[in-house]
Amino acid sequence: MNASVPSLEELNQFRQHVATLRETKASRRAEFVSIKRQIILCMEELDHTPDTSFERDVVCEDEDAFCLSLENIATLQKLLRQLEMQKLQNEAVCEALRTQIRELWDRLQIPEEEREAVATIMSGSKAKVRKALQLEVDRLEERKMQNLKKLIEATRVELAQHWDQCFYSQEQRQAFAPFHAEEYTENLLQLHDAEIVRLRNYYEAHRELFEDVRKWEESWRLFLEFERKASDPNRFTNRGGNLLKEEKQRAKLQKTLPKLEEELKAQIELWEQEHSKTFLVNGQKFMEYVAEQWEMRRLERERDRQERQLKYKKQTETEMLCGSAQTPRKRRGMAPKTQSKAHKVNTRPREVLISREW
């Protein structure tokens, strides 16, 4: 038998190879233990029972019995990714169910004590929590079906608020035909819900512009209110220091309103270029709407002025007629009263007259 004796260099290389294998084994084992721990946590979260031979080998068998090959480690990583994806999906489903529950609570006006009874399922995403959430949604949905008319009427109130928020005109509101339907069905409620979602998205997409328009409307309302107070004939009584303050605010608004309108005009023009459609406020182009408000204000002021003139004219005519009718005729031979008064005054003591002169 011819056997060669390894050299020292070969022995050193062998020792290094063995050390490398040991390091690789230790590294793979540490990775296996870490991944196994995460897999077990995910399975517990998902209430998942190992249902394949590989999953049972990972979870149930002794760690030293698991083959630490590259293929097994890769399969292990893939299993963990799948479980984590299921966990994320489960969390998203649970959160969506909670959102649905809160909306149904508000819509059905569920009392606080009844909400607190299911507070334990309003956090977490374990499988049992998901099942409990689904049961609560089913219970509330059944209750909703029993109160369809009341719910649709409440939804219509909310829808009208969104119309106001988006400055919808009467014509735009009338275009939503389900709003006037009288046959209360689940489909009708869904149509209202879909319209509310659409309006919410529309408002959020253009929130900044809507808020600026609302700011102009509030400034305009305040300006008209100050003008009304300024034309009130009783404004000088029992007002304290408010009169001067209100006049300053009115003058300030009269200057800032045109500036705000110009800024909005530029914003709207840019918006219309980006969206290729007209931005409407109460069914009108915004600048047309603004011009109409100023014109209505001018006509109202003119009408008030004419009413005041007419009232003053009638009052003057009445005073003239009443004054001429009540003027008494002088009698002949009667001495004027001023002489007797003068005579009476002259008869007062000297010191009284002196004090009067002072």
Protein backbone atom coordinates (compact mmCIF):
# COMPACT_ATOMS: atom_id res chain seq x y z
CA MET A 1 0.00 0.00 0.00
CA ASN A 2 1.49 3.27 -1.13
CA ALA A 3 0.35 6.25 1.06
CA SER A 4 1.76 9.72 0.84
CA VAL A 5 2.42 11.78 3.93
CA PRO A 6 0.93 15.33 3.73
CA SER A 7 3.38 18.14 3.94
CA LEU A 8 3.28 20.84 6.62
CA GLU A 9 1.83 23.29 4.13
CA GLU A 10 -0.95 20.88 3.23
CA LEU A 11 -1.66 20.30 6.91
CA ASN A 12 -1.90 24.04 7.50
CA GLN A 13 -4.25 24.41 4.54
CA PHE A 14 -6.38 21.56 5.90
CA ARG A 15 -6.50 23.16 9.33
CA GLN A 16 -7.58 26.48 7.78
CA HIS A 17 -10.25 24.71 5.71
CA VAL A 18 -11.64 22.97 8.81
CA ALA A 19 -11.64 26.28 10.71
CA THR A 20 -13.46 27.95 7.84
CA LEU A 21 -16.05 25.17 7.78
CA ARG A 22 -16.56 25.52 11.52
CA GLU A 23 -17.01 29.29 11.18
CA THR A 24 -19.46 28.77 8.31
CA LYS A 25 -21.41 26.24 10.37
CA ALA A 26 -21.54 28.54 13.38
CA SER A 27 -22.64 31.47 11.20
CA ARG A 28 -25.36 29.43 9.46
CA ARG A 29 -26.52 28.01 12.77
CA ALA A 30 -26.79 31.49 14.29
CA GLU A 31 -28.74 32.64 11.22
CA PHE A 32 -30.96 29.56 11.44
CA VAL A 33 -31.70 30.16 15.14
CA SER A 34 -32.50 33.86 14.50
CA ILE A 35 -34.76 33.12 11.53
CA LYS A 36 -36.45 30.27 13.40
CA ARG A 37 -37.27 32.59 16.29
CA GLN A 38 -38.83 35.14 13.91
CA ILE A 39 -40.78 32.42 12.09
CA ILE A 40 -42.24 31.13 15.37
CA LEU A 41 -43.30 34.68 16.37
CA CYS A 42 -44.96 35.24 13.00
CA MET A 43 -46.78 31.91 13.18
CA GLU A 44 -48.04 32.76 16.67
CA GLU A 45 -49.19 36.19 15.45
CA LEU A 46 -50.98 34.62 12.50
CA ASP A 47 -52.24 31.64 14.53
CA HIS A 48 -50.55 29.51 11.87
CA THR A 49 -49.80 25.82 12.44
CA PRO A 50 -46.84 24.29 10.55
CA ASP A 51 -48.46 22.41 7.66
CA THR A 52 -45.48 21.29 5.55
CA SER A 53 -42.64 18.90 6.37
CA PHE A 54 -40.11 21.71 6.05
CA GLU A 55 -42.04 23.96 8.44
CA ARG A 56 -42.30 21.09 10.93
CA ASP A 57 -38.56 20.43 10.63
CA VAL A 58 -37.86 24.08 11.37
CA VAL A 59 -40.27 24.58 14.25
CA CYS A 60 -40.66 21.17 15.86
CA GLU A 61 -37.42 19.29 15.37
CA ASP A 62 -34.20 19.70 17.34
CA GLU A 63 -32.03 22.55 16.08
CA ASP A 64 -28.96 20.31 15.76
CA ALA A 65 -30.88 17.96 13.44
CA PHE A 66 -31.55 20.67 10.85
CA CYS A 67 -29.33 20.53 7.79
CA LEU A 68 -27.57 23.87 7.43
CA SER A 69 -27.13 23.72 3.67
CA LEU A 70 -27.31 26.87 1.52
CA GLU A 71 -30.50 25.57 -0.06
CA ASN A 72 -32.17 25.07 3.34
CA ILE A 73 -31.07 28.51 4.55
CA ALA A 74 -32.48 30.10 1.37
CA THR A 75 -35.77 28.20 1.82
CA LEU A 76 -35.84 29.33 5.44
CA GLN A 77 -35.44 32.99 4.43
CA LYS A 78 -38.19 32.62 1.83
CA LEU A 79 -40.56 31.16 4.45
CA LEU A 80 -39.87 34.08 6.78
CA ARG A 81 -40.58 36.61 4.02
CA GLN A 82 -43.88 34.90 3.22
CA LEU A 83 -44.95 34.92 6.86
CA GLU A 84 -43.94 38.59 7.29
CA MET A 85 -45.94 39.49 4.19
CA GLN A 86 -48.98 37.69 5.60
CA LYS A 87 -48.46 39.53 8.88
CA LEU A 88 -48.38 42.93 7.12
CA GLN A 89 -51.50 42.03 5.16
CA ASN A 90 -53.19 40.93 8.37
CA GLU A 91 -52.26 44.23 10.07
CA ALA A 92 -53.68 46.19 7.11
CA VAL A 93 -56.91 44.16 7.20
CA CYS A 94 -57.25 44.70 10.97
CA GLU A 95 -56.71 48.44 10.63
CA ALA A 96 -59.27 48.63 7.80
CA LEU A 97 -61.78 46.72 9.97
CA ARG A 98 -61.15 49.13 12.86
CA THR A 99 -61.74 52.11 10.58
CA GLN A 100 -64.96 50.51 9.38
CA ILE A 101 -66.03 49.87 12.99
CA ARG A 102 -65.38 53.49 14.02
CA GLU A 103 -67.36 54.80 11.05
CA LEU A 104 -70.26 52.48 11.88
CA TRP A 105 -70.11 53.52 15.53
CA ASP A 106 -70.41 57.17 14.55
CA ARG A 107 -73.07 56.53 11.95
CA LEU A 108 -75.18 54.38 14.26
CA GLN A 109 -74.48 56.70 17.21
CA ILE A 110 -73.28 53.82 19.36
CA PRO A 111 -72.97 54.92 23.02
CA GLU A 112 -69.53 55.11 24.61
CA GLU A 113 -70.09 52.26 27.06
CA GLU A 114 -70.94 49.90 24.19
CA ARG A 115 -67.75 50.93 22.38
CA GLU A 116 -65.63 50.32 25.46
CA ALA A 117 -66.95 46.76 25.63
CA VAL A 118 -64.91 45.87 22.53
CA ALA A 119 -61.88 48.03 23.36
CA THR A 120 -59.64 44.95 23.68
CA ILE A 121 -59.81 44.25 19.94
CA MET A 122 -59.03 47.82 18.91
CA SER A 123 -55.30 47.08 18.99
CA GLY A 124 -53.11 44.22 17.76
CA SER A 125 -53.36 42.09 14.63
CA LYS A 126 -53.36 38.49 15.80
CA ALA A 127 -55.66 36.06 14.01
CA LYS A 128 -58.09 35.97 16.94
CA VAL A 129 -58.20 39.78 16.97
CA ARG A 130 -58.94 39.82 13.24
CA LYS A 131 -61.77 37.32 13.72
CA ALA A 132 -63.22 39.39 16.58
CA LEU A 133 -63.01 42.57 14.48
CA GLN A 134 -64.82 40.88 11.61
CA LEU A 135 -67.55 39.69 13.97
CA GLU A 136 -68.01 43.26 15.26
CA VAL A 137 -68.25 44.61 11.71
CA ASP A 138 -70.84 41.95 10.83
CA ARG A 139 -72.86 42.82 13.93
CA LEU A 140 -72.81 46.53 13.15
CA GLU A 141 -73.62 45.96 9.47
CA GLU A 142 -76.69 43.97 10.45
CA ARG A 143 -77.71 46.77 12.78
CA LYS A 144 -77.14 49.26 9.99
CA MET A 145 -79.54 47.37 7.71
CA GLN A 146 -82.20 47.75 10.36
CA ASN A 147 -81.73 51.53 10.43
CA LEU A 148 -81.30 52.31 6.72
CA LYS A 149 -83.67 55.27 6.54
CA LYS A 150 -82.12 56.99 9.54
CA LEU A 151 -78.62 56.33 8.21
CA ILE A 152 -79.36 57.64 4.72
CA GLU A 153 -80.84 60.83 6.17
CA ALA A 154 -77.72 61.30 8.32
CA THR A 155 -75.52 60.63 5.30
CA ARG A 156 -77.41 63.29 3.34
CA VAL A 157 -76.67 65.83 6.05
CA GLU A 158 -72.97 64.95 5.83
CA LEU A 159 -73.10 65.10 2.03
CA ALA A 160 -74.61 68.60 2.14
CA GLN A 161 -71.72 69.68 4.38
CA HIS A 162 -69.23 68.41 1.81
CA TRP A 163 -71.11 70.26 -0.93
CA ASP A 164 -70.80 73.46 1.08
CA GLN A 165 -67.13 72.78 1.68
CA CYS A 166 -66.53 72.37 -2.07
CA PHE A 167 -68.73 75.40 -2.98
CA TYR A 168 -71.18 73.32 -5.00
CA SER A 169 -74.00 75.16 -6.76
CA GLN A 170 -77.64 74.10 -6.58
CA GLU A 171 -77.39 72.75 -10.11
CA GLN A 172 -74.40 70.58 -9.15
CA ARG A 173 -76.24 69.30 -6.09
CA GLN A 174 -79.37 68.50 -8.07
CA ALA A 175 -77.23 66.43 -10.46
CA PHE A 176 -76.84 63.79 -7.71
CA ALA A 177 -80.24 62.15 -8.23
CA PRO A 178 -79.99 59.57 -5.38
CA PHE A 179 -80.16 62.47 -2.90
CA HIS A 180 -83.89 62.78 -3.64
CA ALA A 181 -84.76 59.07 -3.79
CA GLU A 182 -87.32 57.90 -1.24
CA GLU A 183 -86.83 54.14 -1.49
CA TYR A 184 -84.28 53.43 1.25
CA THR A 185 -82.06 50.52 0.25
CA GLU A 186 -78.52 49.33 0.88
CA ASN A 187 -77.63 50.32 -2.68
CA LEU A 188 -78.89 53.85 -2.07
CA LEU A 189 -76.73 54.13 1.04
CA GLN A 190 -73.70 52.88 -0.92
CA LEU A 191 -74.28 55.52 -3.60
CA HIS A 192 -74.29 58.24 -0.93
CA ASP A 193 -71.16 56.80 0.69
CA ALA A 194 -69.37 56.71 -2.66
CA GLU A 195 -70.30 60.35 -3.34
CA ILE A 196 -68.96 61.40 0.07
CA VAL A 197 -65.67 59.58 -0.59
CA ARG A 198 -65.40 61.29 -3.99
CA LEU A 199 -66.00 64.72 -2.48
CA ARG A 200 -63.52 64.09 0.34
CA ASN A 201 -60.83 63.17 -2.18
CA TYR A 202 -61.72 66.17 -4.34
CA TYR A 203 -61.46 68.53 -1.38
CA GLU A 204 -58.18 67.06 -0.13
CA ALA A 205 -56.65 67.32 -3.61
CA HIS A 206 -57.43 71.06 -3.72
CA ARG A 207 -57.54 71.89 0.00
CA GLU A 208 -55.25 74.94 -0.19
CA LEU A 209 -57.33 76.60 -2.89
CA PHE A 210 -60.62 75.90 -1.11
CA GLU A 211 -59.24 77.27 2.16
CA ASP A 212 -58.14 80.50 0.44
CA VAL A 213 -61.59 80.92 -1.11
CA ARG A 214 -63.13 80.33 2.32
CA LYS A 215 -60.78 82.95 3.75
CA TRP A 216 -61.97 85.46 1.15
CA GLU A 217 -65.63 84.65 1.92
CA GLU A 218 -65.10 85.14 5.65
CA SER A 219 -63.30 88.45 5.04
CA TRP A 220 -66.12 89.54 2.72
CA ARG A 221 -68.80 88.62 5.27
CA LEU A 222 -66.95 90.56 7.97
CA PHE A 223 -66.56 93.55 5.65
CA LEU A 224 -70.31 93.63 4.93
CA GLU A 225 -71.05 93.31 8.64
CA PHE A 226 -68.86 96.33 9.44
CA GLU A 227 -70.55 98.30 6.66
CA ARG A 228 -73.96 97.43 8.03
CA LYS A 229 -72.92 98.64 11.48
CA ALA A 230 -71.42 101.80 9.99
CA SER A 231 -74.77 102.67 8.39
CA ASP A 232 -76.73 102.03 11.59
CA PRO A 233 -78.08 105.37 12.92
CA ASN A 234 -77.71 104.07 16.50
CA ARG A 235 -74.01 103.26 16.12
CA PHE A 236 -72.91 106.24 18.24
CA THR A 237 -74.74 105.05 21.36
CA ASN A 238 -73.56 102.42 23.86
CA ARG A 239 -70.62 101.30 21.70
CA GLY A 240 -67.68 102.16 23.94
CA GLY A 241 -64.41 102.03 21.99
CA ASN A 242 -65.74 99.53 19.43
CA LEU A 243 -66.75 102.18 16.90
CA LEU A 244 -63.22 103.32 16.09
CA LYS A 245 -61.90 99.75 16.15
CA GLU A 246 -64.57 98.53 13.71
CA GLU A 247 -63.98 101.47 11.38
CA LYS A 248 -60.25 100.66 11.25
CA GLN A 249 -61.01 96.99 10.54
CA ARG A 250 -63.46 97.94 7.79
CA ALA A 251 -60.90 100.23 6.16
CA LYS A 252 -58.26 97.50 6.38
CA LEU A 253 -60.55 94.91 4.81
CA GLN A 254 -61.46 97.32 2.01
CA LYS A 255 -57.74 97.42 1.11
CA THR A 256 -56.88 93.74 1.66
CA LEU A 257 -59.87 92.22 -0.15
CA PRO A 258 -58.76 93.32 -3.66
CA LYS A 259 -55.23 92.05 -2.93
CA LEU A 260 -56.58 88.69 -1.79
CA GLU A 261 -58.73 88.52 -4.91
CA GLU A 262 -55.72 89.09 -7.16
CA GLU A 263 -53.76 86.35 -5.39
CA LEU A 264 -56.66 83.95 -5.76
CA LYS A 265 -57.04 84.87 -9.42
CA ALA A 266 -53.41 83.88 -10.07
CA GLN A 267 -53.81 80.62 -8.10
CA ILE A 268 -56.98 79.69 -9.97
CA GLU A 269 -55.47 80.41 -13.38
CA LEU A 270 -52.56 78.10 -12.54
CA TRP A 271 -54.96 75.44 -11.23
CA GLU A 272 -57.09 75.62 -14.38
CA GLN A 273 -53.99 75.22 -16.57
CA GLU A 274 -52.88 72.16 -14.60
CA HIS A 275 -56.31 70.47 -14.56
CA SER A 276 -57.66 71.69 -17.91
CA LYS A 277 -61.02 72.65 -16.44
CA THR A 278 -62.76 75.63 -14.88
CA PHE A 279 -62.66 76.16 -11.11
CA LEU A 280 -66.19 76.96 -9.97
CA VAL A 281 -67.51 78.55 -6.81
CA ASN A 282 -71.25 78.09 -6.37
CA GLY A 283 -71.49 77.22 -10.06
CA GLN A 284 -69.61 80.33 -11.26
CA LYS A 285 -66.08 81.24 -12.20
CA PHE A 286 -64.55 82.63 -9.04
CA MET A 287 -63.76 86.12 -10.39
CA GLU A 288 -67.29 86.36 -11.82
CA TYR A 289 -68.60 85.33 -8.42
CA VAL A 290 -66.47 88.03 -6.73
CA ALA A 291 -67.58 90.70 -9.22
CA GLU A 292 -71.21 89.72 -8.63
CA GLN A 293 -70.77 90.13 -4.85
CA TRP A 294 -69.30 93.63 -5.29
CA GLU A 295 -72.13 94.56 -7.69
CA MET A 296 -74.77 93.29 -5.26
CA ARG A 297 -73.14 95.36 -2.54
CA ARG A 298 -73.18 98.47 -4.79
CA LEU A 299 -76.86 97.98 -5.69
CA GLU A 300 -77.80 97.46 -2.04
CA ARG A 301 -75.98 100.64 -1.01
CA GLU A 302 -77.74 102.54 -3.80
CA ARG A 303 -81.10 101.16 -2.71
CA ASP A 304 -80.42 102.15 0.91
CA ARG A 305 -79.42 105.65 -0.20
CA GLN A 306 -82.61 106.08 -2.20
CA GLU A 307 -84.72 104.79 0.68
CA ARG A 308 -83.07 107.28 3.05
CA GLN A 309 -83.66 110.15 0.62
CA LEU A 310 -87.31 109.16 0.19
CA LYS A 311 -87.77 108.86 3.93
CA TYR A 312 -86.14 112.24 4.53
CA LYS A 313 -88.31 113.86 1.84
CA LYS A 314 -91.52 112.46 3.33
CA GLN A 315 -90.44 113.49 6.83
CA THR A 316 -89.68 117.04 5.65
CA GLU A 317 -93.03 117.35 3.86
CA THR A 318 -94.86 116.10 6.94
CA GLU A 319 -93.04 118.54 9.22
CA MET A 320 -93.81 121.44 6.87
CA LEU A 321 -97.50 120.56 6.76
CA CYS A 322 -97.76 120.05 10.49
CA GLY A 323 -95.78 123.20 11.23
CA SER A 324 -98.00 125.47 9.07
CA ALA A 325 -101.17 124.01 10.54
CA GLN A 326 -100.06 124.57 14.17
CA THR A 327 -98.70 128.18 13.81
CA PRO A 328 -101.11 130.47 15.87
CA ARG A 329 -102.26 133.92 14.62
CA LYS A 330 -101.19 136.98 16.54
CA ARG A 331 -103.99 138.98 18.23
CA ARG A 332 -104.18 142.70 17.75
CA GLY A 333 -103.40 144.93 20.66
CA MET A 334 -101.50 142.33 22.65
CA ALA A 335 -98.15 143.36 23.94
CA PRO A 336 -95.30 140.99 23.20
CA LYS A 337 -94.34 138.68 26.01
CA THR A 338 -90.69 139.60 25.71
CA GLN A 339 -91.41 143.08 27.13
CA SER A 340 -93.02 141.72 30.26
CA LYS A 341 -90.13 139.31 30.64
CA ALA A 342 -87.63 142.11 30.27
CA HIS A 343 -89.53 144.20 32.77
CA LYS A 344 -89.60 141.30 35.15
CA VAL A 345 -85.89 140.71 34.80
CA ASN A 346 -85.08 144.39 35.38
CA THR A 347 -86.93 144.35 38.69
CA ARG A 348 -84.43 141.78 40.15
CA PRO A 349 -81.94 142.94 42.76
CA ARG A 350 -78.68 144.53 41.62
CA GLU A 351 -76.45 141.73 42.89
CA VAL A 352 -78.34 139.13 40.83
CA LEU A 353 -77.78 141.14 37.68
CA ILE A 354 -74.09 141.46 38.46
CA SER A 355 -73.71 137.73 39.02
CA ARG A 356 -75.49 137.02 35.69
CA GLU A 357 -73.06 139.30 33.89
CA TRP A 358 -70.14 137.30 35.33
